[in-house]
C-alpha atoms as a PDB file:
ATOM      1  CA  UNK A   1      -0.031   0.067  -0.050  1.00  0.00           C
ATOM      2  CA  UNK A   2       1.434   3.258  -1.158  1.00  0.00           C
ATOM      3  CA  UNK A   3       1.714   6.367   1.442  1.00  0.00           C
ATOM      4  CA  UNK A   4      -1.532   8.521   1.154  1.00  0.00           C
ATOM      5  CA  UNK A   5      -3.578   5.597  -0.280  1.00  0.00           C
ATOM      6  CA  UNK A   6      -6.823   4.291   1.278  1.00  0.00           C
ATOM      7  CA  UNK A   7      -7.016   3.480   4.946  1.00  0.00           C
ATOM      8  CA  UNK A   8      -6.096  -0.354   5.135  1.00  0.00           C
ATOM      9  CA  UNK A   9      -8.273  -3.315   6.746  1.00  0.00           C
ATOM     10  CA  UNK A  10      -6.191  -5.309   9.072  1.00  0.00           C
ATOM     11  CA  UNK A  11      -7.370  -8.796  10.224  1.00  0.00           C
ATOM     12  CA  UNK A  12      -6.242 -10.206  13.535  1.00  0.00           C
ATOM     13  CA  UNK A  13      -6.681 -13.660  14.232  1.00  0.00           C
ATOM     14  CA  UNK A  14      -7.452 -14.997  17.870  1.00  0.00           C
ATOM     15  CA  UNK A  15      -4.611 -17.456  17.916  1.00  0.00           C
ATOM     16  CA  UNK A  16      -5.239 -20.128  20.678  1.00  0.00           C
ATOM     17  CA  UNK A  17      -8.617 -19.634  21.895  1.00  0.00           C
ATOM     18  CA  UNK A  18      -7.711 -20.756  25.439  1.00  0.00           C
ATOM     19  CA  UNK A  19      -4.498 -18.567  25.625  1.00  0.00           C
ATOM     20  CA  UNK A  20      -4.048 -14.654  25.584  1.00  0.00           C
ATOM     21  CA  UNK A  21      -4.551 -14.349  21.909  1.00  0.00           C
ATOM     22  CA  UNK A  22      -8.270 -13.186  22.336  1.00  0.00           C
ATOM     23  CA  UNK A  23      -7.756 -11.045  25.353  1.00  0.00           C
ATOM     24  CA  UNK A  24      -4.976  -8.855  23.829  1.00  0.00           C
ATOM     25  CA  UNK A  25      -6.797  -8.514  20.652  1.00  0.00           C
ATOM     26  CA  UNK A  26     -10.018  -7.478  22.565  1.00  0.00           C
ATOM     27  CA  UNK A  27      -8.041  -5.084  24.827  1.00  0.00           C
ATOM     28  CA  UNK A  28      -6.494  -3.477  21.703  1.00  0.00           C
ATOM     29  CA  UNK A  29      -9.697  -3.026  19.521  1.00  0.00           C
ATOM     30  CA  UNK A  30     -11.865  -1.756  22.536  1.00  0.00           C
ATOM     31  CA  UNK A  31      -9.165   1.042  23.102  1.00  0.00           C
ATOM     32  CA  UNK A  32      -8.215   1.707  19.301  1.00  0.00           C
ATOM     33  CA  UNK A  33     -11.449   1.322  17.435  1.00  0.00           C
ATOM     34  CA  UNK A  34     -13.103   4.602  18.368  1.00  0.00           C
ATOM     35  CA  UNK A  35     -10.297   6.865  17.725  1.00  0.00           C
ATOM     36  CA  UNK A  36      -7.411   5.560  15.284  1.00  0.00           C
ATOM     37  CA  UNK A  37      -8.512   6.217  11.670  1.00  0.00           C
ATOM     38  CA  UNK A  38      -5.388   5.108  10.403  1.00  0.00           C
ATOM     39  CA  UNK A  39      -6.466   1.540   9.870  1.00  0.00           C
ATOM     40  CA  UNK A  40      -9.713  -0.484  10.150  1.00  0.00           C
ATOM     41  CA  UNK A  41      -9.380  -3.820  12.310  1.00  0.00           C
ATOM     42  CA  UNK A  42     -11.343  -7.068  11.861  1.00  0.00           C
ATOM     43  CA  UNK A  43     -11.153  -9.853  14.737  1.00  0.00           C
ATOM     44  CA  UNK A  44     -11.244 -13.184  13.294  1.00  0.00           C
ATOM     45  CA  UNK A  45     -12.329 -15.062  16.645  1.00  0.00           C
ATOM     46  CA  UNK A  46     -14.886 -17.304  17.999  1.00  0.00           C
ATOM     47  CA  UNK A  47     -17.724 -15.876  20.171  1.00  0.00           C
ATOM     48  CA  UNK A  48     -17.000 -18.586  22.704  1.00  0.00           C
ATOM     49  CA  UNK A  49     -13.472 -17.530  23.136  1.00  0.00           C
ATOM     50  CA  UNK A  50     -14.613 -13.724  23.727  1.00  0.00           C
ATOM     51  CA  UNK A  51     -17.457 -14.755  25.980  1.00  0.00           C
ATOM     52  CA  UNK A  52     -14.979 -16.618  28.224  1.00  0.00           C
ATOM     53  CA  UNK A  53     -13.380 -13.073  28.974  1.00  0.00           C
ATOM     54  CA  UNK A  54     -16.433 -11.105  29.897  1.00  0.00           C
ATOM     55  CA  UNK A  55     -15.539 -11.428  33.519  1.00  0.00           C
ATOM     56  CA  UNK A  56     -11.915 -10.762  33.538  1.00  0.00           C
ATOM     57  CA  UNK A  57     -11.473  -8.050  31.068  1.00  0.00           C
ATOM     58  CA  UNK A  58     -13.312  -4.759  32.144  1.00  0.00           C
ATOM     59  CA  UNK A  59     -15.339  -2.317  29.715  1.00  0.00           C
ATOM     60  CA  UNK A  60     -18.204  -2.120  27.659  1.00  0.00           C
ATOM     61  CA  UNK A  61     -16.365  -4.249  24.931  1.00  0.00           C
ATOM     62  CA  UNK A  62     -18.741  -6.874  24.802  1.00  0.00           C
ATOM     63  CA  UNK A  63     -21.662  -4.734  23.905  1.00  0.00           C
ATOM     64  CA  UNK A  64     -19.552  -3.131  21.118  1.00  0.00           C
ATOM     65  CA  UNK A  65     -19.019  -6.443  19.515  1.00  0.00           C
ATOM     66  CA  UNK A  66     -20.455  -6.747  15.854  1.00  0.00           C
ATOM     67  CA  UNK A  67     -20.697 -10.163  14.705  1.00  0.00           C
ATOM     68  CA  UNK A  68     -20.282 -10.406  10.783  1.00  0.00           C
ATOM     69  CA  UNK A  69     -22.224 -12.989   8.964  1.00  0.00           C
ATOM     70  CA  UNK A  70     -19.704 -13.260   6.463  1.00  0.00           C
ATOM     71  CA  UNK A  71     -16.674 -11.533   4.978  1.00  0.00           C
ATOM     72  CA  UNK A  72     -17.773  -7.908   4.329  1.00  0.00           C
ATOM     73  CA  UNK A  73     -16.417  -5.791   1.525  1.00  0.00           C
ATOM     74  CA  UNK A  74     -14.172  -3.032   2.375  1.00  0.00           C
ATOM     75  CA  UNK A  75     -17.187  -0.317   2.101  1.00  0.00           C
ATOM     76  CA  UNK A  76     -19.352  -2.263   4.408  1.00  0.00           C
ATOM     77  CA  UNK A  77     -16.537  -2.690   7.092  1.00  0.00           C
ATOM     78  CA  UNK A  78     -15.662   1.029   6.967  1.00  0.00           C
ATOM     79  CA  UNK A  79     -19.257   2.118   7.249  1.00  0.00           C
ATOM     80  CA  UNK A  80     -19.675   0.490  10.738  1.00  0.00           C
ATOM     81  CA  UNK A  81     -19.989   2.957  13.768  1.00  0.00           C
ATOM     82  CA  UNK A  82     -16.452   3.634  14.923  1.00  0.00           C
ATOM     83  CA  UNK A  83     -17.563   2.418  18.452  1.00  0.00           C
ATOM     84  CA  UNK A  84     -18.404  -1.121  17.016  1.00  0.00           C
ATOM     85  CA  UNK A  85     -15.841  -3.940  16.992  1.00  0.00           C
ATOM     86  CA  UNK A  86     -16.225  -6.038  13.951  1.00  0.00           C
ATOM     87  CA  UNK A  87     -15.755  -9.898  14.604  1.00  0.00           C
ATOM     88  CA  UNK A  88     -15.926 -12.817  12.145  1.00  0.00           C
ATOM     89  CA  UNK A  89     -16.505 -15.959  13.957  1.00  0.00           C
ATOM     90  CA  UNK A  90     -14.749 -18.787  11.776  1.00  0.00           C
ATOM     91  CA  UNK A  91     -16.380 -21.710  13.586  1.00  0.00           C
ATOM     92  CA  UNK A  92     -20.000 -20.191  14.215  1.00  0.00           C
ATOM     93  CA  UNK A  93     -21.094 -22.852  16.965  1.00  0.00           C
ATOM     94  CA  UNK A  94     -21.757 -22.625  20.480  1.00  0.00           C
ATOM     95  CA  UNK A  95     -19.095 -24.119  22.976  1.00  0.00           C
ATOM     96  CA  UNK A  96     -17.336 -23.356  26.036  1.00  0.00           C
ATOM     97  CA  UNK A  97     -13.608 -22.136  26.127  1.00  0.00           C
ATOM     98  CA  UNK A  98     -11.707 -22.771  29.204  1.00  0.00           C
ATOM     99  CA  UNK A  99      -8.793 -20.407  29.349  1.00  0.00           C
ATOM    100  CA  UNK A 100      -5.438 -22.000  30.306  1.00  0.00           C
ATOM    101  CA  UNK A 101      -5.810 -25.411  28.708  1.00  0.00           C
ATOM    102  CA  UNK A 102      -6.035 -26.211  24.989  1.00  0.00           C
ATOM    103  CA  UNK A 103      -8.357 -28.721  23.793  1.00  0.00           C
ATOM    104  CA  UNK A 104      -9.124 -30.450  20.401  1.00  0.00           C
ATOM    105  CA  UNK A 105     -11.728 -27.930  19.911  1.00  0.00           C
ATOM    106  CA  UNK A 106      -9.567 -24.856  20.681  1.00  0.00           C
ATOM    107  CA  UNK A 107      -6.809 -26.366  18.119  1.00  0.00           C
ATOM    108  CA  UNK A 108      -9.768 -26.381  15.559  1.00  0.00           C
ATOM    109  CA  UNK A 109     -10.559 -23.002  16.207  1.00  0.00           C
ATOM    110  CA  UNK A 110      -7.231 -21.649  16.164  1.00  0.00           C
ATOM    111  CA  UNK A 111      -6.656 -23.098  12.783  1.00  0.00           C
ATOM    112  CA  UNK A 112      -9.992 -22.005  11.359  1.00  0.00           C
ATOM    113  CA  UNK A 113      -9.344 -18.593  12.507  1.00  0.00           C
ATOM    114  CA  UNK A 114      -5.794 -18.670  10.580  1.00  0.00           C
ATOM    115  CA  UNK A 115      -7.145 -20.293   7.701  1.00  0.00           C
ATOM    116  CA  UNK A 116      -9.935 -17.489   7.328  1.00  0.00           C
ATOM    117  CA  UNK A 117      -7.402 -15.028   7.589  1.00  0.00           C
ATOM    118  CA  UNK A 118      -5.156 -16.374   5.129  1.00  0.00           C
ATOM    119  CA  UNK A 119      -8.125 -16.703   2.537  1.00  0.00           C
ATOM    120  CA  UNK A 120      -9.178 -12.994   3.058  1.00  0.00           C
ATOM    121  CA  UNK A 121      -5.512 -11.704   2.742  1.00  0.00           C
ATOM    122  CA  UNK A 122      -5.098 -13.672  -0.477  1.00  0.00           C
ATOM    123  CA  UNK A 123      -8.443 -12.513  -1.813  1.00  0.00           C
ATOM    124  CA  UNK A 124      -7.496  -8.981  -1.294  1.00  0.00           C
ATOM    125  CA  UNK A 125     -10.283  -8.600   1.369  1.00  0.00           C
ATOM    126  CA  UNK A 126      -7.922  -7.310   3.836  1.00  0.00           C
ATOM    127  CA  UNK A 127      -4.542  -5.619   3.418  1.00  0.00           C
ATOM    128  CA  UNK A 128      -2.713  -7.234   6.307  1.00  0.00           C
ATOM    129  CA  UNK A 129      -2.808 -10.190   8.396  1.00  0.00           C
ATOM    130  CA  UNK A 130      -1.792 -10.156  12.247  1.00  0.00           C
ATOM    131  CA  UNK A 131      -1.897 -13.727  13.649  1.00  0.00           C
ATOM    132  CA  UNK A 132      -2.318 -14.392  17.471  1.00  0.00           C
ATOM    133  CA  UNK A 133      -0.363 -17.007  19.164  1.00  0.00           C
ATOM    134  CA  UNK A 134      -0.965 -20.416  18.821  1.00  0.00           C
ATOM    135  CA  UNK A 135      -0.132 -23.695  20.510  1.00  0.00           C
ATOM    136  CA  UNK A 136       1.984 -25.617  17.963  1.00  0.00           C
ATOM    137  CA  UNK A 137       1.871 -28.603  20.024  1.00  0.00           C
ATOM    138  CA  UNK A 138      -1.805 -28.618  20.369  1.00  0.00           C
ATOM    139  CA  UNK A 139      -2.551 -28.055  16.617  1.00  0.00           C
ATOM    140  CA  UNK A 140      -0.046 -30.954  15.844  1.00  0.00           C
ATOM    141  CA  UNK A 141      -1.850 -33.189  18.141  1.00  0.00           C
ATOM    142  CA  UNK A 142      -5.283 -32.716  17.434  1.00  0.00           C
ATOM    143  CA  UNK A 143      -5.302 -31.125  13.933  1.00  0.00           C
ATOM    144  CA  UNK A 144      -2.231 -31.423  11.734  1.00  0.00           C
ATOM    145  CA  UNK A 145       0.495 -33.608  12.675  1.00  0.00           C
ATOM    146  CA  UNK A 146       2.887 -31.710  10.340  1.00  0.00           C
ATOM    147  CA  UNK A 147       2.134 -28.419  11.822  1.00  0.00           C
ATOM    148  CA  UNK A 148       5.349 -26.646  13.196  1.00  0.00           C
ATOM    149  CA  UNK A 149       4.248 -23.059  13.331  1.00  0.00           C
ATOM    150  CA  UNK A 150       2.778 -20.244  11.440  1.00  0.00           C
ATOM    151  CA  UNK A 151       5.463 -19.447   8.918  1.00  0.00           C
ATOM    152  CA  UNK A 152       5.494 -22.655   7.110  1.00  0.00           C
ATOM    153  CA  UNK A 153       1.929 -23.097   7.201  1.00  0.00           C
ATOM    154  CA  UNK A 154       1.355 -19.595   5.737  1.00  0.00           C
ATOM    155  CA  UNK A 155       3.824 -20.109   3.128  1.00  0.00           C
ATOM    156  CA  UNK A 156       2.268 -23.702   2.024  1.00  0.00           C
ATOM    157  CA  UNK A 157      -1.157 -21.866   1.936  1.00  0.00           C
ATOM    158  CA  UNK A 158       0.543 -19.172  -0.282  1.00  0.00           C
ATOM    159  CA  UNK A 159       1.952 -21.619  -2.690  1.00  0.00           C
ATOM    160  CA  UNK A 160       5.603 -21.251  -1.641  1.00  0.00           C
ATOM    161  CA  UNK A 161       7.855 -24.319  -1.198  1.00  0.00           C
ATOM    162  CA  UNK A 162      11.336 -23.743  -0.044  1.00  0.00           C
ATOM    163  CA  UNK A 163      12.457 -22.022   3.216  1.00  0.00           C
ATOM    164  CA  UNK A 164      15.150 -19.751   2.736  1.00  0.00           C
ATOM    165  CA  UNK A 165      14.586 -19.358  -1.223  1.00  0.00           C
ATOM    166  CA  UNK A 166      10.971 -18.320  -1.063  1.00  0.00           C
ATOM    167  CA  UNK A 167      10.309 -17.103   2.390  1.00  0.00           C
ATOM    168  CA  UNK A 168      12.015 -16.380   5.511  1.00  0.00           C
ATOM    169  CA  UNK A 169      11.104 -15.926   9.410  1.00  0.00           C
ATOM    170  CA  UNK A 170      12.347 -12.402  10.392  1.00  0.00           C
ATOM    171  CA  UNK A 171      12.008 -10.201  13.659  1.00  0.00           C
ATOM    172  CA  UNK A 172      11.771  -6.524  13.128  1.00  0.00           C
ATOM    173  CA  UNK A 173      12.677  -4.097  16.263  1.00  0.00           C
ATOM    174  CA  UNK A 174      13.241  -0.487  16.419  1.00  0.00           C
ATOM    175  CA  UNK A 175      16.894  -0.782  15.905  1.00  0.00           C
ATOM    176  CA  UNK A 176      17.665  -4.369  14.653  1.00  0.00           C
ATOM    177  CA  UNK A 177      16.246  -6.606  11.926  1.00  0.00           C
ATOM    178  CA  UNK A 178      17.098 -10.327  11.888  1.00  0.00           C
ATOM    179  CA  UNK A 179      16.295 -13.164   9.628  1.00  0.00           C
ATOM    180  CA  UNK A 180      16.726 -16.642  10.441  1.00  0.00           C
ATOM    181  CA  UNK A 181      18.287 -19.249   8.128  1.00  0.00           C
ATOM    182  CA  UNK A 182      16.742 -22.172   9.962  1.00  0.00           C
ATOM    183  CA  UNK A 183      13.578 -22.128  12.258  1.00  0.00           C
ATOM    184  CA  UNK A 184      11.914 -24.810  14.519  1.00  0.00           C
ATOM    185  CA  UNK A 185      14.659 -27.368  14.112  1.00  0.00           C
ATOM    186  CA  UNK A 186      16.535 -29.597  16.816  1.00  0.00           C
ATOM    187  CA  UNK A 187      19.914 -28.024  17.223  1.00  0.00           C
ATOM    188  CA  UNK A 188      21.724 -30.794  15.549  1.00  0.00           C
ATOM    189  CA  UNK A 189      19.569 -30.722  12.693  1.00  0.00           C
ATOM    190  CA  UNK A 190      19.776 -26.838  12.225  1.00  0.00           C
ATOM    191  CA  UNK A 191      23.509 -27.126  11.956  1.00  0.00           C
ATOM    192  CA  UNK A 192      23.618 -29.648   9.530  1.00  0.00           C
ATOM    193  CA  UNK A 193      21.339 -27.572   7.361  1.00  0.00           C
ATOM    194  CA  UNK A 194      23.819 -24.624   7.117  1.00  0.00           C
ATOM    195  CA  UNK A 195      25.161 -24.888   3.657  1.00  0.00           C
ATOM    196  CA  UNK A 196      26.331 -22.618   1.018  1.00  0.00           C
ATOM    197  CA  UNK A 197      23.398 -22.741  -1.365  1.00  0.00           C
ATOM    198  CA  UNK A 198      20.994 -21.845   1.574  1.00  0.00           C
ATOM    199  CA  UNK A 199      22.959 -18.960   2.816  1.00  0.00           C
ATOM    200  CA  UNK A 200      23.268 -17.365  -0.549  1.00  0.00           C
ATOM    201  CA  UNK A 201      19.441 -18.112  -1.349  1.00  0.00           C
ATOM    202  CA  UNK A 202      18.369 -16.280   2.087  1.00  0.00           C
ATOM    203  CA  UNK A 203      20.712 -13.497   1.618  1.00  0.00           C
ATOM    204  CA  UNK A 204      19.202 -12.894  -2.206  1.00  0.00           C
ATOM    205  CA  UNK A 205      15.597 -13.061  -0.312  1.00  0.00           C
ATOM    206  CA  UNK A 206      16.548 -10.502   2.306  1.00  0.00           C
ATOM    207  CA  UNK A 207      18.040  -8.324  -0.267  1.00  0.00           C
ATOM    208  CA  UNK A 208      15.246  -8.685  -2.749  1.00  0.00           C
ATOM    209  CA  UNK A 209      12.510  -7.909  -0.214  1.00  0.00           C
ATOM    210  CA  UNK A 210      13.890  -5.558   2.217  1.00  0.00           C
ATOM    211  CA  UNK A 211      17.406  -4.390   0.969  1.00  0.00           C
ATOM    212  CA  UNK A 212      20.124  -2.637   3.045  1.00  0.00           C
ATOM    213  CA  UNK A 213      23.426  -4.386   4.423  1.00  0.00           C
ATOM    214  CA  UNK A 214      23.378  -7.873   5.809  1.00  0.00           C
ATOM    215  CA  UNK A 215      25.853  -9.555   8.208  1.00  0.00           C
ATOM    216  CA  UNK A 216      25.958 -13.364   8.495  1.00  0.00           C
ATOM    217  CA  UNK A 217      26.476 -14.590  11.872  1.00  0.00           C
ATOM    218  CA  UNK A 218      29.274 -16.913  12.566  1.00  0.00           C
ATOM    219  CA  UNK A 219      28.401 -20.408  13.515  1.00  0.00           C
ATOM    220  CA  UNK A 220      31.326 -21.214  15.876  1.00  0.00           C
ATOM    221  CA  UNK A 221      32.582 -19.019  18.735  1.00  0.00           C
ATOM    222  CA  UNK A 222      34.626 -16.102  17.350  1.00  0.00           C
ATOM    223  CA  UNK A 223      33.384 -17.345  13.855  1.00  0.00           C
ATOM    224  CA  UNK A 224      35.628 -20.042  14.053  1.00  0.00           C
ATOM    225  CA  UNK A 225      38.985 -18.147  15.026  1.00  0.00           C
ATOM    226  CA  UNK A 226      40.485 -19.139  11.556  1.00  0.00           C
ATOM    227  CA  UNK A 227      39.552 -22.805  11.975  1.00  0.00           C
ATOM    228  CA  UNK A 228      40.928 -23.112  15.542  1.00  0.00           C
ATOM    229  CA  UNK A 229      37.171 -23.427  16.907  1.00  0.00           C
ATOM    230  CA  UNK A 230      35.658 -25.160  14.096  1.00  0.00           C
ATOM    231  CA  UNK A 231      35.985 -25.208  10.299  1.00  0.00           C
ATOM    232  CA  UNK A 232      32.408 -24.417   9.166  1.00  0.00           C
ATOM    233  CA  UNK A 233      32.918 -20.647   9.175  1.00  0.00           C
ATOM    234  CA  UNK A 234      35.778 -20.735   6.766  1.00  0.00           C
ATOM    235  CA  UNK A 235      34.745 -23.700   4.730  1.00  0.00           C
ATOM    236  CA  UNK A 236      30.981 -22.894   4.318  1.00  0.00           C
ATOM    237  CA  UNK A 237      30.016 -19.354   5.475  1.00  0.00           C
ATOM    238  CA  UNK A 238      32.722 -17.437   3.938  1.00  0.00           C
ATOM    239  CA  UNK A 239      32.383 -18.963   0.546  1.00  0.00           C
ATOM    240  CA  UNK A 240      28.678 -18.203   0.448  1.00  0.00           C
ATOM    241  CA  UNK A 241      29.120 -14.505   1.623  1.00  0.00           C
ATOM    242  CA  UNK A 242      31.962 -14.226  -1.215  1.00  0.00           C
ATOM    243  CA  UNK A 243      29.356 -15.567  -3.699  1.00  0.00           C
ATOM    244  CA  UNK A 244      26.665 -13.288  -2.576  1.00  0.00           C
ATOM    245  CA  UNK A 245      28.895 -10.414  -2.735  1.00  0.00           C
ATOM    246  CA  UNK A 246      29.681 -11.480  -6.476  1.00  0.00           C
ATOM    247  CA  UNK A 247      25.996 -11.403  -6.996  1.00  0.00           C
ATOM    248  CA  UNK A 248      26.167  -7.538  -6.111  1.00  0.00           C
ATOM    249  CA  UNK A 249      24.631  -8.084  -2.528  1.00  0.00           C
ATOM    250  CA  UNK A 250      25.948  -5.907   0.245  1.00  0.00           C
ATOM    251  CA  UNK A 251      26.809  -8.637   2.708  1.00  0.00           C
ATOM    252  CA  UNK A 252      29.606  -9.269   5.213  1.00  0.00           C
ATOM    253  CA  UNK A 253      30.628 -12.364   7.400  1.00  0.00           C
ATOM    254  CA  UNK A 254      30.872 -14.600   8.923  1.00  0.00           C
ATOM    255  CA  UNK A 255      30.925 -11.985  11.945  1.00  0.00           C
ATOM    256  CA  UNK A 256      31.341 -13.358  15.423  1.00  0.00           C
ATOM    257  CA  UNK A 257      27.714 -13.681  16.891  1.00  0.00           C
ATOM    258  CA  UNK A 258      28.914 -12.561  20.313  1.00  0.00           C
ATOM    259  CA  UNK A 259      29.219  -8.958  19.190  1.00  0.00           C
ATOM    260  CA  UNK A 260      27.209  -8.925  15.910  1.00  0.00           C
ATOM    261  CA  UNK A 261      23.904  -8.079  17.499  1.00  0.00           C
ATOM    262  CA  UNK A 262      25.370  -5.143  19.492  1.00  0.00           C
ATOM    263  CA  UNK A 263      26.990  -3.930  16.301  1.00  0.00           C
ATOM    264  CA  UNK A 264      23.760  -4.110  14.416  1.00  0.00           C
ATOM    265  CA  UNK A 265      22.016  -2.111  16.956  1.00  0.00           C
ATOM    266  CA  UNK A 266      24.757   0.417  16.675  1.00  0.00           C
ATOM    267  CA  UNK A 267      24.038   0.814  12.997  1.00  0.00           C
ATOM    268  CA  UNK A 268      26.674  -1.069  11.300  1.00  0.00           C
ATOM    269  CA  UNK A 269      24.326  -3.445   9.476  1.00  0.00           C
ATOM    270  CA  UNK A 270      20.744  -3.038   8.412  1.00  0.00           C
ATOM    271  CA  UNK A 271      20.210  -6.936   8.873  1.00  0.00           C
ATOM    272  CA  UNK A 272      21.597 -10.018  10.550  1.00  0.00           C
ATOM    273  CA  UNK A 273      21.396 -13.508   9.265  1.00  0.00           C
ATOM    274  CA  UNK A 274      21.287 -15.651  12.048  1.00  0.00           C
ATOM    275  CA  UNK A 275      22.046 -19.342  11.368  1.00  0.00           C
ATOM    276  CA  UNK A 276      19.603 -20.969  13.669  1.00  0.00           C
ATOM    277  CA  UNK A 277      16.521 -20.094  15.878  1.00  0.00           C
ATOM    278  CA  UNK A 278      17.950 -19.406  19.241  1.00  0.00           C
ATOM    279  CA  UNK A 279      21.184 -17.633  18.062  1.00  0.00           C
ATOM    280  CA  UNK A 280      18.881 -14.893  16.683  1.00  0.00           C
ATOM    281  CA  UNK A 281      15.910 -14.910  18.921  1.00  0.00           C
ATOM    282  CA  UNK A 282      17.854 -14.769  22.242  1.00  0.00           C
ATOM    283  CA  UNK A 283      19.600 -11.564  21.009  1.00  0.00           C
ATOM    284  CA  UNK A 284      16.076 -10.094  19.758  1.00  0.00           C
ATOM    285  CA  UNK A 285      14.161 -11.048  22.732  1.00  0.00           C
ATOM    286  CA  UNK A 286      16.840  -9.713  25.157  1.00  0.00           C
ATOM    287  CA  UNK A 287      17.239  -6.448  23.414  1.00  0.00           C
ATOM    288  CA  UNK A 288      13.380  -5.801  22.742  1.00  0.00           C
ATOM    289  CA  UNK A 289      11.047  -8.467  24.227  1.00  0.00           C
ATOM    290  CA  UNK A 290       7.570  -7.123  23.758  1.00  0.00           C
ATOM    291  CA  UNK A 291       8.596  -4.599  21.153  1.00  0.00           C
ATOM    292  CA  UNK A 292       9.446  -7.135  18.181  1.00  0.00           C
ATOM    293  CA  UNK A 293       7.215  -7.958  15.329  1.00  0.00           C
ATOM    294  CA  UNK A 294       7.523 -11.528  13.581  1.00  0.00           C
ATOM    295  CA  UNK A 295       7.357 -10.776   9.857  1.00  0.00           C
ATOM    296  CA  UNK A 296       7.130 -13.440   7.311  1.00  0.00           C
ATOM    297  CA  UNK A 297       9.331 -12.219   4.475  1.00  0.00           C
ATOM    298  CA  UNK A 298       8.624 -13.188   0.902  1.00  0.00           C
ATOM    299  CA  UNK A 299       4.888 -14.196   1.298  1.00  0.00           C
ATOM    300  CA  UNK A 300       2.437 -12.540  -1.283  1.00  0.00           C
ATOM    301  CA  UNK A 301       0.432 -11.058   1.745  1.00  0.00           C
ATOM    302  CA  UNK A 302       1.537  -9.132   4.532  1.00  0.00           C
ATOM    303  CA  UNK A 303       1.676 -11.258   7.667  1.00  0.00           C
ATOM    304  CA  UNK A 304       2.945 -10.054  10.941  1.00  0.00           C
ATOM    305  CA  UNK A 305       2.659 -11.502  14.558  1.00  0.00           C
ATOM    306  CA  UNK A 306       3.697 -10.791  18.186  1.00  0.00           C
ATOM    307  CA  UNK A 307       6.909 -12.214  19.800  1.00  0.00           C
ATOM    308  CA  UNK A 308       5.368 -14.146  22.615  1.00  0.00           C
ATOM    309  CA  UNK A 309       3.303 -17.339  23.080  1.00  0.00           C
ATOM    310  CA  UNK A 310      -0.013 -18.474  24.385  1.00  0.00           C
ATOM    311  CA  UNK A 311       0.728 -17.733  28.217  1.00  0.00           C
ATOM    312  CA  UNK A 312      -1.709 -20.260  29.484  1.00  0.00           C
ATOM    313  CA  UNK A 313      -0.683 -19.490  32.850  1.00  0.00           C
ATOM    314  CA  UNK A 314      -2.176 -16.115  32.651  1.00  0.00           C
ATOM    315  CA  UNK A 315      -4.972 -16.521  30.274  1.00  0.00           C
ATOM    316  CA  UNK A 316      -8.511 -15.548  31.259  1.00  0.00           C
ATOM    317  CA  UNK A 317      -7.225 -13.541  34.114  1.00  0.00           C
ATOM    318  CA  UNK A 318      -7.280 -10.049  32.584  1.00  0.00           C
ATOM    319  CA  UNK A 319      -3.601  -9.777  33.026  1.00  0.00           C
ATOM    320  CA  UNK A 320      -2.064  -9.909  29.506  1.00  0.00           C
ATOM    321  CA  UNK A 321      -0.206  -7.121  28.268  1.00  0.00           C
ATOM    322  CA  UNK A 322      -1.546  -5.504  25.307  1.00  0.00           C
ATOM    323  CA  UNK A 323       1.492  -3.431  24.537  1.00  0.00           C
ATOM    324  CA  UNK A 324       3.371  -6.216  22.119  1.00  0.00           C
ATOM    325  CA  UNK A 325       0.563  -6.419  20.115  1.00  0.00           C
ATOM    326  CA  UNK A 326      -0.062  -2.545  19.721  1.00  0.00           C
ATOM    327  CA  UNK A 327       3.704  -2.440  18.715  1.00  0.00           C
ATOM    328  CA  UNK A 328       3.014  -5.148  15.885  1.00  0.00           C
ATOM    329  CA  UNK A 329       0.071  -2.980  14.688  1.00  0.00           C
ATOM    330  CA  UNK A 330       2.335   0.108  14.483  1.00  0.00           C
ATOM    331  CA  UNK A 331       5.070  -1.908  12.537  1.00  0.00           C
ATOM    332  CA  UNK A 332       2.412  -3.292  10.240  1.00  0.00           C
ATOM    333  CA  UNK A 333       1.122  -0.049   9.368  1.00  0.00           C
ATOM    334  CA  UNK A 334       4.748   1.112   8.633  1.00  0.00           C
ATOM    335  CA  UNK A 335       5.090  -1.936   6.469  1.00  0.00           C
ATOM    336  CA  UNK A 336       1.958  -1.209   4.428  1.00  0.00           C
ATOM    337  CA  UNK A 337       3.518   2.286   3.913  1.00  0.00           C
ATOM    338  CA  UNK A 338       6.523   0.780   2.469  1.00  0.00           C
ATOM    339  CA  UNK A 339       8.732   1.598   5.402  1.00  0.00           C
ATOM    340  CA  UNK A 340      10.809  -0.754   7.593  1.00  0.00           C
ATOM    341  CA  UNK A 341      11.062   0.209  11.198  1.00  0.00           C
ATOM    342  CA  UNK A 342      15.044   1.189  10.954  1.00  0.00           C
ATOM    343  CA  UNK A 343      16.902   0.777   7.948  1.00  0.00           C
ATOM    344  CA  UNK A 344      20.036   2.524   7.211  1.00  0.00           C
ATOM    345  CA  UNK A 345      20.684   1.504   3.468  1.00  0.00           C
ATOM    346  CA  UNK A 346      24.052   0.114   2.790  1.00  0.00           C
ATOM    347  CA  UNK A 347      25.528   1.331   6.053  1.00  0.00           C
ATOM    348  CA  UNK A 348      28.252  -1.446   6.019  1.00  0.00           C
ATOM    349  CA  UNK A 349      30.628  -1.993   8.984  1.00  0.00           C
ATOM    350  CA  UNK A 350      31.989   0.978  10.594  1.00  0.00           C
END
């Protein structure tokens, strides 16, 4: 969406019905719906999940819910009273949600909301999709044994096949952008998946969709210390970086991971390509937990999410913090206008 264009419609999925996803969504929309004209929200969530919050989340939000009978066109949604909170129930049947524990019905509801959100985004009925946190284990146990998280599921639904070449999991903060070469793999499998082709593919994807300078994290301590602490950095990562540079990409590495993220936050690089999940996420969540946006790079739709999970231990108690979701909305609106939170194009190492 170009700056100055029509006000966007953003769908928010409930996530795990028995987690904090419905609570943070309703808290946000109860506060934002009346005043913020930069976007029009639509909650894709079950009436049952919201009914479970009536005693724990104060305010008149329940009376302001407007349950849609089907997917509205943009004009219909924008004509609603500003006090109303539009809700599309993806299940449409009466049941009881018990916050704090996921059941087979909850897993089905989470997946139904996600599927509805994807369908609307792909059809152009909404401009962006913000997904609530789901229980991967519950969905895998009760619905889809192959489910490993939003990222791969979204990519498959959008017709993308190869992680790293077609799409990437990335995390955006106010002063750092991190892409992950691998995601939800056991560490031994993640290390085995580090190869030259995958690194070059991932670097090209980041460069194509985001731009800026990219630093590749070293795999071993001190990026291998010239082979003293491991051979992978010299044998795999350095040649991949050289290949990417030969293709015209503004990339550097391998850079010792113990200092790389601090250097990125100081502005030496626009992006970090981390080689496995926790290498990137420990740094991101230490620096900006609750202020980080998960962005699936490469999708034909704009999808973002919060950086936290279902928080079953506090679900249904009215204690969930809406701040992380509000931060994601702000980042999503910037992405819709064509802006990354913080990109210093081609800064390179200082």
